[in-house]
Protein backbone atom coordinates (compact mmCIF):
# COMPACT_ATOMS: atom_id res chain seq x y z
CA UNK A 1 -85.52 -18.62 68.61
CA UNK A 2 -81.82 -20.17 69.48
CA UNK A 3 -80.47 -18.58 66.54
CA UNK A 4 -81.32 -15.01 67.73
CA UNK A 5 -80.05 -16.09 71.23
CA UNK A 6 -76.52 -16.84 69.49
CA UNK A 7 -76.61 -13.92 66.80
CA UNK A 8 -76.92 -11.06 69.43
CA UNK A 9 -73.32 -11.52 70.95
CA UNK A 10 -71.83 -12.02 67.61
CA UNK A 11 -73.62 -8.81 66.53
CA UNK A 12 -72.21 -6.95 69.64
CA UNK A 13 -68.67 -7.96 68.95
CA UNK A 14 -68.63 -6.96 65.74
CA UNK A 15 -70.21 -3.58 66.36
CA UNK A 16 -67.53 -3.12 69.33
CA UNK A 17 -64.82 -4.18 66.81
CA UNK A 18 -66.02 -1.60 64.22
CA UNK A 19 -66.30 1.04 67.03
CA UNK A 20 -62.66 0.30 67.70
CA UNK A 21 -61.42 0.49 64.11
CA UNK A 22 -63.18 3.72 63.80
CA UNK A 23 -61.50 5.05 66.83
CA UNK A 24 -58.23 3.75 65.70
CA UNK A 25 -58.74 5.53 62.21
CA UNK A 26 -59.83 8.74 63.79
CA UNK A 27 -56.65 9.18 65.91
CA UNK A 28 -58.33 8.85 69.26
CA UNK A 29 -55.29 6.37 70.50
CA UNK A 30 -53.22 9.49 70.47
CA UNK A 31 -55.65 11.69 72.57
CA UNK A 32 -56.21 8.62 75.12
CA UNK A 33 -52.70 7.91 75.88
CA UNK A 34 -51.95 11.92 75.96
CA UNK A 35 -54.98 12.07 78.60
CA UNK A 36 -53.86 8.93 80.54
CA UNK A 37 -50.05 10.15 80.68
CA UNK A 38 -51.36 13.46 81.88
CA UNK A 39 -53.47 11.91 84.90
CA UNK A 40 -50.50 9.54 85.59
CA UNK A 41 -48.22 12.52 86.08
CA UNK A 42 -50.41 14.38 88.06
CA UNK A 43 -51.40 11.71 90.47
CA UNK A 44 -47.50 11.19 91.36
CA UNK A 45 -47.30 15.25 91.64
CA UNK A 46 -44.89 15.80 88.46
CA UNK A 47 -47.30 17.20 86.00
């Protein structure tokens, strides 16, 4: 039973890393940075 409890965080970490890589390869980084910049500029009243 202890093996299953130790395996779960490793599996979740690997799954999260996999989704992170998929997002990077899919070009999502540019979209997120663009939206964040727009929100920041709107916040200070420039955008």
